[in-house]
Amino acid sequence: MYKAIVVFLKSEALVNQLTDHCYYQGHVHNFEDSSVSVGLCSGMEGFLRIKNQVYLIEPLEESLDGDHAIYKQEHLRTKQGAFGYINDTVYNFGPKASGLYKGKYMKNTGGGQQVVEMVLVVDNTEYKKFGCFKKIEERMLLVANHVDKDHNKNPIAVASTITHEMGHNLGMSHDDSSCGCSSNKGCVMSDTIGYVYPDSFSTCSQAALKAFLQNHDTRCLLDVPNESKLYGGPVCGNAFVEKGEDCDCGTVEECNNPCCNATTCRLTEGAVCAHGECCHNCQLKHSSSLCRKSAHDCDLDEYCTGISAFCPEDEYKMNGIPCNYNQGYCYNGQCPTHKEHCKTLWGADAKVDADTCFGYNVRDGTSKSAEHMMCGKIYCYGGNPFPITNKRLTVTIGSKTCNMAVDDSATDDLGMVPAGTKCGINKASVLPQPLPKH
C-alpha cells in the first residue's frame, strides 16, 4: 500500500499512483519455519529464509539471459558498525511522550488492526545513484517490503536499519547483557551490527513494546490510511478490506477465516460477516451483546447494534461528573487528577508535592490568585530522577525544593496540570486559565 511523490526544485509535486503489484511475501513450500520477501518488477530481488539460514537473491547485472545470483546473507560484505542513533544519555526513558502518553483512565482501544505509517525520503544524491524514477521506486518498495547497514546496495541492509529505528519509535531501547536473544544472528535492537543482519527481537524489546502499547495512547496505530489514496487499485489478499471486497483475510496460505473466501475476498456461503467485534461464527451478534466494556468511571459500555459487525464508536460520560471517588471530574472520557499526572510524569512512586510549591504558580504569574494555584504548573516529588520529558526545573522556596517537568512542546505542555483536573471544590483546570466548573 503505497504512493510515490516526486518533488521538484520549485516545490511542485508529482504524485504517481503505482499499480505494479509485484512485491510479495510468503513462505517456502513444505518448510514451516520459513519466510520469503521478493520483488518481481525487474527480475527477482529479495530474500528467503529457511530456519536460521537467510539467502539473498538478485539479478546479475551483466547477464543477458535473466540469470540471478543467490548467496548466503553472511557473504554480503559490509563494514561492522553502529546504528545511526545511539542511546548516549545518562537516563533513557524511551520516546518523548508529548502527545503520546496515556493516563490511567484512558482506554486502550486494542483489538483492531494496527498500522505503522512510514515515509521513505529519497534525496537528490540517492536519485543520482540510480538514475531514474522507476529504479528509485523499485528500490524503495523492496526496502519497505523487507521491513517486517546503512547505504548498502542490497535492500535487506537498509530494511534492517529501518526496523531498528522503528523499534525506538515504539519504545524500545538498545539491548544490554540482561536481554535474552533466541537468534544466533543477534537481535534487532543491538547497538551494533555485524556481517549478518538480525532477524529477531529480544525479550527486552518484546517487554518494552508491550509496556509502550499499554502505557501510551496508541490509537494513532488504529488509523488505517485511506485505501483510495494509497492504492493503485484493490488487491485481494493484502489483509485490507477495499472497495469491491466483502472481506480480506490475507493470502490463501495465510487465511484461516472460515467466513471469508481468500481467493475472491467475498463472504463464504451463508456468512453475513467476516470481521469485527460484533461478528461471531460468520453471523451478526444480537443488539444486546456487549462489545466494549467500560474501562473506568468516565467510560460507558458499548453494545452491538445488530446491524453492523463492528462495535459503535466509544462513548463517555458528560464532562464534569465526579469520578475516582470524587477525586476528579470526568473530562473528555478521562478522570484527570494531580496524583495520576505525577505518576505519568515521574513514575509510579511519584506523589503530589506540598501547597508551598504550587504557591509559586501565583508568584510567576501562571495562576491569577491563590485559589487557582493548583491549576497551573504541577509539582511532584519521588519517582524517577527525571520526568518523561527528559527535562526538569528545580525551584527553591525557602528550605523547600520543588521539581517540575519541562516540556518544549508547543501544543501540549505536560508540565502543566492537565485540562479538566479538579483544582478545588467545583473548580477544574481549563488551560491556559482555570475556570469555575458549571
Protein backbone atom coordinates (compact mmCIF):
# COMPACT_ATOMS: atom_id res chain seq x y z
CA MET A 1 0.00 0.00 0.00
CA TYR A 2 1.93 2.95 -1.25
CA LYS A 3 2.22 6.03 -3.41
CA ALA A 4 5.24 7.90 -4.79
CA ILE A 5 5.55 11.70 -4.64
CA VAL A 6 8.27 13.46 -6.65
CA VAL A 7 9.12 17.00 -5.51
CA PHE A 8 10.96 19.33 -7.89
CA LEU A 9 13.08 22.41 -7.13
CA LYS A 10 10.16 24.82 -7.47
CA SER A 11 8.15 22.75 -4.94
CA GLU A 12 5.63 21.37 -7.43
CA ALA A 13 4.82 17.74 -6.60
CA LEU A 14 4.08 14.89 -8.97
CA VAL A 15 2.11 12.04 -7.41
CA ASN A 16 2.50 8.65 -9.04
CA GLN A 17 -0.28 6.17 -8.28
CA LEU A 18 1.72 2.98 -8.51
CA THR A 19 -0.15 -0.01 -9.85
CA ASP A 20 2.68 -2.55 -10.10
CA HIS A 21 1.63 -5.22 -7.64
CA CYS A 22 4.88 -7.12 -7.94
CA TYR A 23 6.05 -7.25 -4.32
CA TYR A 24 5.30 -10.42 -2.44
CA GLN A 25 5.71 -12.04 0.95
CA GLY A 26 5.15 -15.67 1.83
CA HIS A 27 6.98 -18.84 2.83
CA VAL A 28 8.85 -21.76 1.25
CA HIS A 29 6.59 -24.66 0.31
CA ASN A 30 6.78 -27.58 2.78
CA PHE A 31 9.03 -25.62 5.19
CA GLU A 32 7.03 -24.42 8.19
CA ASP A 33 9.81 -22.28 9.66
CA SER A 34 10.47 -20.13 6.59
CA SER A 35 9.70 -16.76 5.03
CA VAL A 36 10.13 -15.08 1.65
CA SER A 37 10.11 -11.40 0.63
CA VAL A 38 10.77 -10.61 -3.04
CA GLY A 39 10.11 -8.07 -5.75
CA LEU A 40 9.46 -9.28 -9.29
CA CYS A 41 9.24 -5.95 -11.11
CA SER A 42 12.68 -6.20 -12.76
CA GLY A 43 13.82 -9.72 -12.27
CA MET A 44 13.69 -11.29 -8.80
CA GLU A 45 15.26 -9.46 -5.88
CA GLY A 46 14.83 -10.11 -2.18
CA PHE A 47 15.50 -12.84 0.33
CA LEU A 48 14.26 -16.20 1.56
CA ARG A 49 14.78 -17.69 5.00
CA ILE A 50 14.70 -21.39 5.90
CA LYS A 51 15.02 -21.88 9.65
CA ASN A 52 18.15 -19.91 10.65
CA GLN A 53 19.65 -19.56 7.18
CA VAL A 54 18.95 -16.49 5.05
CA TYR A 55 19.63 -16.41 1.29
CA LEU A 56 19.70 -13.22 -0.80
CA ILE A 57 18.53 -13.16 -4.42
CA GLU A 58 19.29 -10.51 -7.03
CA PRO A 59 19.62 -10.26 -10.84
CA LEU A 60 23.09 -10.44 -12.36
CA GLU A 61 23.74 -7.01 -13.87
CA GLU A 62 25.79 -8.27 -16.82
CA SER A 63 23.55 -11.20 -17.71
CA LEU A 64 21.57 -11.06 -20.94
CA ASP A 65 19.69 -14.27 -20.19
CA GLY A 66 17.96 -13.22 -16.97
CA ASP A 67 20.37 -15.09 -14.70
CA HIS A 68 20.23 -14.45 -10.97
CA ALA A 69 22.63 -14.80 -8.08
CA ILE A 70 21.65 -16.45 -4.81
CA TYR A 71 24.03 -16.34 -1.86
CA LYS A 72 24.04 -16.61 1.91
CA GLN A 73 23.44 -13.43 3.86
CA GLU A 74 26.76 -13.65 5.70
CA HIS A 75 28.55 -13.34 2.36
CA LEU A 76 27.16 -9.84 1.92
CA ARG A 77 30.24 -7.75 2.67
CA THR A 78 29.63 -4.72 4.86
CA LYS A 79 31.55 -2.87 7.50
CA GLN A 80 30.70 -3.64 11.09
CA GLY A 81 29.31 -0.53 12.70
CA ALA A 82 26.82 1.10 14.98
CA PHE A 83 23.30 2.15 14.17
CA GLY A 84 22.73 5.82 13.44
CA TYR A 85 21.01 6.65 16.73
CA ILE A 86 22.84 5.62 19.89
CA ASN A 87 21.33 5.95 23.38
CA ASP A 88 24.05 8.18 24.81
CA THR A 89 22.04 9.90 27.56
CA VAL A 90 22.50 9.02 31.19
CA TYR A 91 18.78 8.43 31.69
CA ASN A 92 16.98 6.54 28.95
CA PHE A 93 13.19 6.75 29.25
CA GLY A 94 12.34 5.69 25.69
CA PRO A 95 10.48 8.04 23.35
CA LYS A 96 9.41 11.52 24.39
CA ALA A 97 5.81 11.16 25.42
CA SER A 98 4.31 14.52 24.45
CA GLY A 99 1.06 13.74 22.68
CA LEU A 100 1.53 10.01 23.25
CA TYR A 101 1.28 9.47 26.99
CA LYS A 102 -1.77 7.63 28.26
CA GLY A 103 -3.22 8.32 31.68
CA LYS A 104 -4.56 5.63 33.98
CA TYR A 105 -8.11 6.21 32.81
CA MET A 106 -7.52 6.29 29.07
CA LYS A 107 -8.99 3.24 27.41
CA ASN A 108 -6.72 1.01 25.34
CA THR A 109 -8.68 0.56 22.12
CA GLY A 110 -6.80 -2.58 21.12
CA GLY A 111 -8.34 -5.38 19.15
CA GLY A 112 -8.34 -3.74 15.74
CA GLN A 113 -5.64 -3.95 13.12
CA GLN A 114 -2.73 -1.67 13.99
CA VAL A 115 -0.77 0.11 11.26
CA VAL A 116 2.54 1.98 11.33
CA GLU A 117 2.62 4.57 8.53
CA MET A 118 6.12 5.01 7.13
CA VAL A 119 7.58 7.66 4.82
CA LEU A 120 10.79 6.93 2.90
CA VAL A 121 12.53 10.06 1.59
CA VAL A 122 14.99 9.84 -1.31
CA ASP A 123 17.22 12.89 -1.80
CA ASN A 124 18.95 14.00 -4.98
CA THR A 125 22.17 12.16 -4.12
CA GLU A 126 20.32 8.86 -3.92
CA TYR A 127 18.45 9.66 -7.13
CA LYS A 128 21.73 10.24 -8.99
CA LYS A 129 22.94 6.84 -7.81
CA PHE A 130 20.06 5.03 -9.54
CA GLY A 131 19.44 7.46 -12.37
CA CYS A 132 15.67 7.28 -12.90
CA PHE A 133 12.37 7.40 -11.01
CA LYS A 134 11.42 3.81 -11.89
CA LYS A 135 14.56 2.33 -10.34
CA ILE A 136 14.14 4.52 -7.26
CA GLU A 137 10.53 3.36 -6.82
CA GLU A 138 11.55 -0.28 -7.12
CA ARG A 139 14.39 0.24 -4.66
CA MET A 140 12.22 1.89 -2.00
CA LEU A 141 9.43 -0.67 -2.36
CA LEU A 142 11.90 -3.51 -1.97
CA VAL A 143 13.19 -1.87 1.22
CA ALA A 144 9.66 -1.39 2.59
CA ASN A 145 8.70 -4.95 1.67
CA HIS A 146 11.62 -6.33 3.70
CA VAL A 147 10.83 -4.36 6.88
CA ASP A 148 8.58 -6.91 8.79
CA LYS A 149 23.70 -1.12 7.47
CA ASP A 150 23.04 1.91 6.12
CA HIS A 151 23.69 2.83 2.48
CA ASN A 152 24.10 -0.70 1.16
CA LYS A 153 23.27 -1.90 -2.31
CA ASN A 154 21.16 -4.81 -1.03
CA PRO A 155 17.80 -3.59 0.33
CA ILE A 156 17.82 -6.03 3.28
CA ALA A 157 20.59 -3.93 4.82
CA VAL A 158 18.54 -0.73 4.74
CA ALA A 159 15.45 -2.64 5.89
CA SER A 160 17.38 -3.88 8.92
CA THR A 161 18.27 -0.31 9.91
CA ILE A 162 14.72 0.94 9.41
CA THR A 163 13.38 -1.90 11.57
CA HIS A 164 15.83 -0.92 14.31
CA GLU A 165 14.85 2.76 14.20
CA MET A 166 11.14 1.91 14.15
CA GLY A 167 11.81 -0.08 17.31
CA HIS A 168 12.97 3.13 19.01
CA ASN A 169 9.77 4.84 17.86
CA LEU A 170 7.78 2.08 19.55
CA GLY A 171 9.50 2.42 22.92
CA MET A 172 12.42 0.00 22.55
CA SER A 173 15.91 0.81 23.82
CA HIS A 174 19.19 -0.83 22.87
CA ASP A 175 19.66 -4.35 24.21
CA ASP A 176 22.07 -4.93 27.09
CA SER A 177 23.61 -8.07 28.59
CA SER A 178 20.45 -8.86 30.57
CA CYS A 179 18.32 -9.26 27.43
CA GLY A 180 17.60 -12.72 26.10
CA CYS A 181 18.11 -13.24 22.36
CA SER A 182 16.98 -16.54 20.85
CA SER A 183 18.61 -15.98 17.44
CA ASN A 184 22.24 -16.81 16.67
CA LYS A 185 22.20 -13.82 14.28
CA GLY A 186 21.67 -11.39 17.12
CA CYS A 187 18.63 -9.25 17.82
CA VAL A 188 17.26 -6.17 16.09
CA MET A 189 17.81 -3.68 18.92
CA SER A 190 21.51 -4.43 19.43
CA ASP A 191 23.56 -1.21 19.40
CA THR A 192 25.98 -2.67 16.84
CA ILE A 193 25.62 -4.89 13.79
CA GLY A 194 27.97 -7.45 12.30
CA TYR A 195 28.13 -9.20 8.95
CA VAL A 196 24.80 -10.99 9.48
CA TYR A 197 21.64 -8.95 9.94
CA PRO A 198 19.45 -9.77 12.97
CA ASP A 199 16.03 -11.33 12.48
CA SER A 200 14.50 -11.39 15.97
CA PHE A 201 13.54 -9.14 18.85
CA SER A 202 14.97 -9.75 22.31
CA THR A 203 12.97 -10.38 25.47
CA CYS A 204 13.68 -6.77 26.48
CA SER A 205 12.31 -5.44 23.19
CA GLN A 206 9.17 -7.54 23.49
CA ALA A 207 8.59 -6.34 27.06
CA ALA A 208 9.22 -2.71 26.04
CA LEU A 209 6.73 -2.94 23.17
CA LYS A 210 4.09 -4.43 25.47
CA ALA A 211 4.63 -1.64 28.01
CA PHE A 212 4.53 1.00 25.27
CA LEU A 213 1.19 -0.25 23.95
CA GLN A 214 -0.26 -0.38 27.48
CA ASN A 215 1.07 2.94 28.80
CA HIS A 216 0.82 5.24 25.79
CA ASP A 217 -2.03 6.42 23.67
CA THR A 218 -1.50 4.31 20.54
CA ARG A 219 -4.88 4.97 18.94
CA CYS A 220 -3.00 6.50 16.00
CA LEU A 221 -1.96 2.96 15.05
CA LEU A 222 -5.62 2.12 14.50
CA ASP A 223 -5.93 4.92 11.95
CA VAL A 224 -5.81 2.84 8.79
CA PRO A 225 -4.83 5.02 5.78
CA ASN A 226 -7.43 5.81 3.15
CA GLU A 227 -7.04 3.00 0.64
CA SER A 228 -8.36 5.08 -2.25
CA LYS A 229 -5.41 7.46 -1.90
CA LEU A 230 -2.65 4.92 -1.34
CA TYR A 231 -3.56 2.00 -3.54
CA GLY A 232 -3.22 1.69 -7.27
CA GLY A 233 -6.35 -0.46 -7.09
CA PRO A 234 -7.90 -3.10 -4.81
CA VAL A 235 -5.77 -6.19 -4.31
CA CYS A 236 -7.39 -9.28 -2.83
CA GLY A 237 -5.08 -10.93 -0.32
CA ASN A 238 -3.38 -7.92 1.26
CA ALA A 239 -5.40 -8.12 4.53
CA PHE A 240 -7.11 -4.76 3.91
CA VAL A 241 -10.81 -4.63 3.01
CA GLU A 242 -11.02 -2.38 -0.05
CA LYS A 243 -13.68 -1.24 -2.48
CA GLY A 244 -15.42 -4.20 -4.07
CA GLU A 245 -14.41 -6.62 -1.29
CA ASP A 246 -16.58 -8.11 1.46
CA CYS A 247 -13.56 -9.25 3.43
CA ASP A 248 -9.82 -9.80 3.13
CA CYS A 249 -8.07 -12.35 5.30
CA GLY A 250 -4.69 -12.25 3.55
CA THR A 251 -3.31 -14.73 1.07
CA VAL A 252 -4.77 -18.19 0.56
CA GLU A 253 -1.91 -19.62 2.63
CA GLU A 254 -2.37 -17.11 5.46
CA CYS A 255 -6.16 -17.05 5.70
CA ASN A 256 -7.78 -19.04 8.49
CA ASN A 257 -11.11 -17.20 8.49
CA PRO A 258 -13.95 -19.60 7.63
CA CYS A 259 -16.25 -16.66 6.79
CA CYS A 260 -14.06 -15.28 4.00
CA ASN A 261 -13.06 -16.76 0.66
CA ALA A 262 -9.39 -15.81 0.36
CA THR A 263 -9.40 -16.26 -3.40
CA THR A 264 -12.28 -13.88 -4.15
CA CYS A 265 -12.39 -11.76 -0.96
CA ARG A 266 -16.12 -12.47 -0.80
CA LEU A 267 -18.09 -13.89 2.11
CA THR A 268 -18.48 -17.64 2.10
CA GLU A 269 -21.91 -19.16 1.58
CA GLY A 270 -24.25 -18.38 4.49
CA ALA A 271 -21.86 -15.85 6.03
CA VAL A 272 -23.15 -12.38 6.89
CA CYS A 273 -19.84 -11.01 8.18
CA ALA A 274 -16.19 -12.00 8.47
CA HIS A 275 -14.55 -9.34 10.66
CA GLY A 276 -15.46 -7.20 13.66
CA GLU A 277 -16.21 -7.35 17.37
CA CYS A 278 -19.91 -7.93 16.64
CA CYS A 279 -19.31 -10.84 14.26
CA HIS A 280 -19.44 -14.37 15.67
CA ASN A 281 -19.40 -17.57 13.64
CA CYS A 282 -19.97 -15.51 10.49
CA GLN A 283 -23.20 -14.01 11.88
CA LEU A 284 -24.04 -10.65 13.49
CA LYS A 285 -24.36 -10.62 17.25
CA HIS A 286 -27.63 -9.51 18.85
CA SER A 287 -28.08 -5.83 19.69
CA SER A 288 -27.82 -6.54 23.43
CA SER A 289 -24.32 -8.06 23.10
CA LEU A 290 -21.58 -6.21 24.99
CA CYS A 291 -18.71 -5.43 22.60
CA ARG A 292 -16.62 -2.95 24.60
CA LYS A 293 -16.69 -2.97 28.40
CA SER A 294 -16.40 0.23 30.41
CA ALA A 295 -12.75 0.81 31.31
CA HIS A 296 -13.23 3.28 34.18
CA ASP A 297 -15.58 5.74 35.88
CA CYS A 298 -15.86 8.10 32.93
CA ASP A 299 -16.38 5.43 30.29
CA LEU A 300 -19.58 3.73 29.14
CA ASP A 301 -20.25 0.19 27.95
CA GLU A 302 -20.82 -0.20 24.20
CA TYR A 303 -23.19 -2.75 22.70
CA CYS A 304 -23.57 -4.21 19.24
CA THR A 305 -26.27 -2.60 17.11
CA GLY A 306 -27.44 -5.82 15.49
CA ILE A 307 -26.93 -4.34 12.03
CA SER A 308 -23.15 -3.90 11.95
CA ALA A 309 -20.25 -6.26 12.51
CA PHE A 310 -18.28 -3.54 14.27
CA CYS A 311 -18.64 -2.05 17.72
CA PRO A 312 -20.01 1.53 17.82
CA GLU A 313 -17.64 4.41 18.49
CA ASP A 314 -16.51 4.86 22.08
CA GLU A 315 -18.86 6.98 24.20
CA TYR A 316 -18.07 8.66 27.53
CA LYS A 317 -19.90 10.26 30.42
CA MET A 318 -20.57 14.00 30.34
CA ASN A 319 -17.77 16.35 31.37
CA GLY A 320 -18.00 17.47 34.98
CA ILE A 321 -19.42 14.26 36.50
CA PRO A 322 -17.42 13.33 39.67
CA CYS A 323 -15.11 10.34 39.27
CA ASN A 324 -12.47 8.29 41.10
CA TYR A 325 -14.20 8.56 44.49
CA ASN A 326 -14.78 12.30 43.99
CA GLN A 327 -11.07 13.00 43.47
CA GLY A 328 -11.70 14.35 39.99
CA TYR A 329 -14.21 15.24 37.30
CA CYS A 330 -14.78 13.44 34.03
CA TYR A 331 -13.22 15.31 31.15
CA ASN A 332 -13.25 14.07 27.54
CA GLY A 333 -13.50 10.47 28.61
CA GLN A 334 -10.83 10.59 31.31
CA CYS A 335 -10.61 11.32 35.02
CA PRO A 336 -7.50 13.53 35.30
CA THR A 337 -6.03 14.11 38.77
CA HIS A 338 -2.83 15.64 40.10
CA LYS A 339 -1.84 12.28 41.57
CA GLU A 340 -2.13 10.39 38.30
CA HIS A 341 -0.34 13.08 36.32
CA CYS A 342 2.61 12.98 38.72
CA LYS A 343 2.83 9.23 38.19
CA THR A 344 2.66 9.70 34.43
CA LEU A 345 5.47 12.27 34.50
CA TRP A 346 7.81 10.86 37.13
CA GLY A 347 6.90 7.19 37.58
CA ALA A 348 4.67 5.01 39.76
CA ASP A 349 6.24 6.15 43.05
CA ALA A 350 5.78 9.88 42.41
CA LYS A 351 3.46 11.94 44.59
CA VAL A 352 1.92 15.42 44.51
CA ASP A 353 4.13 17.97 46.29
CA ALA A 354 3.11 20.42 49.03
CA ASP A 355 0.98 23.54 48.57
CA THR A 356 4.15 25.58 49.12
CA CYS A 357 5.36 24.53 45.67
CA PHE A 358 2.06 25.30 43.99
CA GLY A 359 2.15 28.75 45.57
CA TYR A 360 4.96 29.52 43.13
CA ASN A 361 2.34 29.47 40.34
CA VAL A 362 0.96 32.72 41.75
CA ARG A 363 4.40 34.30 42.08
CA ASP A 364 5.43 33.58 38.48
CA GLY A 365 2.03 34.54 37.05
CA THR A 366 0.98 31.05 35.91
CA SER A 367 -2.11 31.34 38.14
CA LYS A 368 -4.09 34.53 38.80
CA SER A 369 -4.57 34.00 42.53
CA ALA A 370 -4.06 31.57 45.39
CA GLU A 371 -7.44 29.94 44.82
CA HIS A 372 -6.27 28.98 41.31
CA MET A 373 -2.73 27.90 42.18
CA MET A 374 -3.50 24.17 41.85
CA CYS A 375 -4.41 24.73 38.20
CA GLY A 376 -1.00 25.93 36.93
CA LYS A 377 2.27 24.07 36.77
CA ILE A 378 2.34 20.73 38.53
CA TYR A 379 4.92 19.91 41.22
CA CYS A 380 5.78 16.35 42.21
CA TYR A 381 8.31 14.51 44.38
CA GLY A 382 9.63 10.97 44.38
CA GLY A 383 9.70 8.66 41.42
CA ASN A 384 12.43 8.86 38.77
CA PRO A 385 15.28 11.40 38.77
CA PHE A 386 13.95 12.89 35.51
CA PRO A 387 10.42 13.11 34.10
CA ILE A 388 9.34 11.56 30.80
CA THR A 389 10.04 14.90 29.08
CA ASN A 390 13.73 14.33 29.97
CA LYS A 391 13.94 17.91 31.34
CA ARG A 392 13.25 19.22 34.82
CA LEU A 393 13.34 22.59 36.59
CA THR A 394 14.12 22.89 40.29
CA VAL A 395 12.78 25.84 42.29
CA THR A 396 13.87 26.55 45.87
CA ILE A 397 11.26 28.23 48.07
CA GLY A 398 12.82 28.85 51.48
CA SER A 399 14.09 25.45 52.59
CA LYS A 400 11.72 23.61 50.22
CA THR A 401 12.94 22.23 46.89
CA CYS A 402 10.25 21.85 44.24
CA ASN A 403 10.59 19.95 40.94
CA MET A 404 8.59 20.47 37.78
CA ALA A 405 8.74 18.78 34.39
CA VAL A 406 9.80 20.98 31.49
CA ASP A 407 8.13 20.25 28.16
CA ASP A 408 9.18 22.06 24.98
CA SER A 409 6.05 21.01 23.15
CA ALA A 410 4.21 23.92 21.58
CA THR A 411 0.88 22.09 21.60
CA ASP A 412 0.54 20.22 24.88
CA ASP A 413 2.73 21.19 27.83
CA LEU A 414 2.96 18.13 30.06
CA GLY A 415 4.45 20.27 32.81
CA MET A 416 1.05 21.88 33.38
CA VAL A 417 -1.89 20.46 35.31
CA PRO A 418 -3.97 18.64 32.64
CA ALA A 419 -7.16 20.27 31.41
CA GLY A 420 -10.17 19.03 33.36
CA THR A 421 -8.25 18.32 36.57
CA LYS A 422 -10.07 19.13 39.79
CA CYS A 423 -8.39 22.19 41.32
CA GLY A 424 -10.79 22.80 44.16
CA ILE A 425 -14.45 22.48 45.05
CA ASN A 426 -16.45 22.99 41.83
CA LYS A 427 -13.28 24.10 40.01
CA ALA A 428 -11.47 22.36 37.17
CA SER A 429 -8.46 23.38 35.10
CA VAL A 430 -9.25 24.67 31.62
CA LEU A 431 -5.90 25.70 30.19
CA PRO A 432 -4.47 28.23 29.96
CA GLN A 433 -6.60 29.69 32.80
CA PRO A 434 -8.71 27.90 35.46
CA LEU A 435 -12.44 28.45 35.18
CA PRO A 436 -15.30 27.57 37.56
CA LYS A 437 -16.95 24.21 36.87
CA HIS A 438 -20.63 24.51 35.96
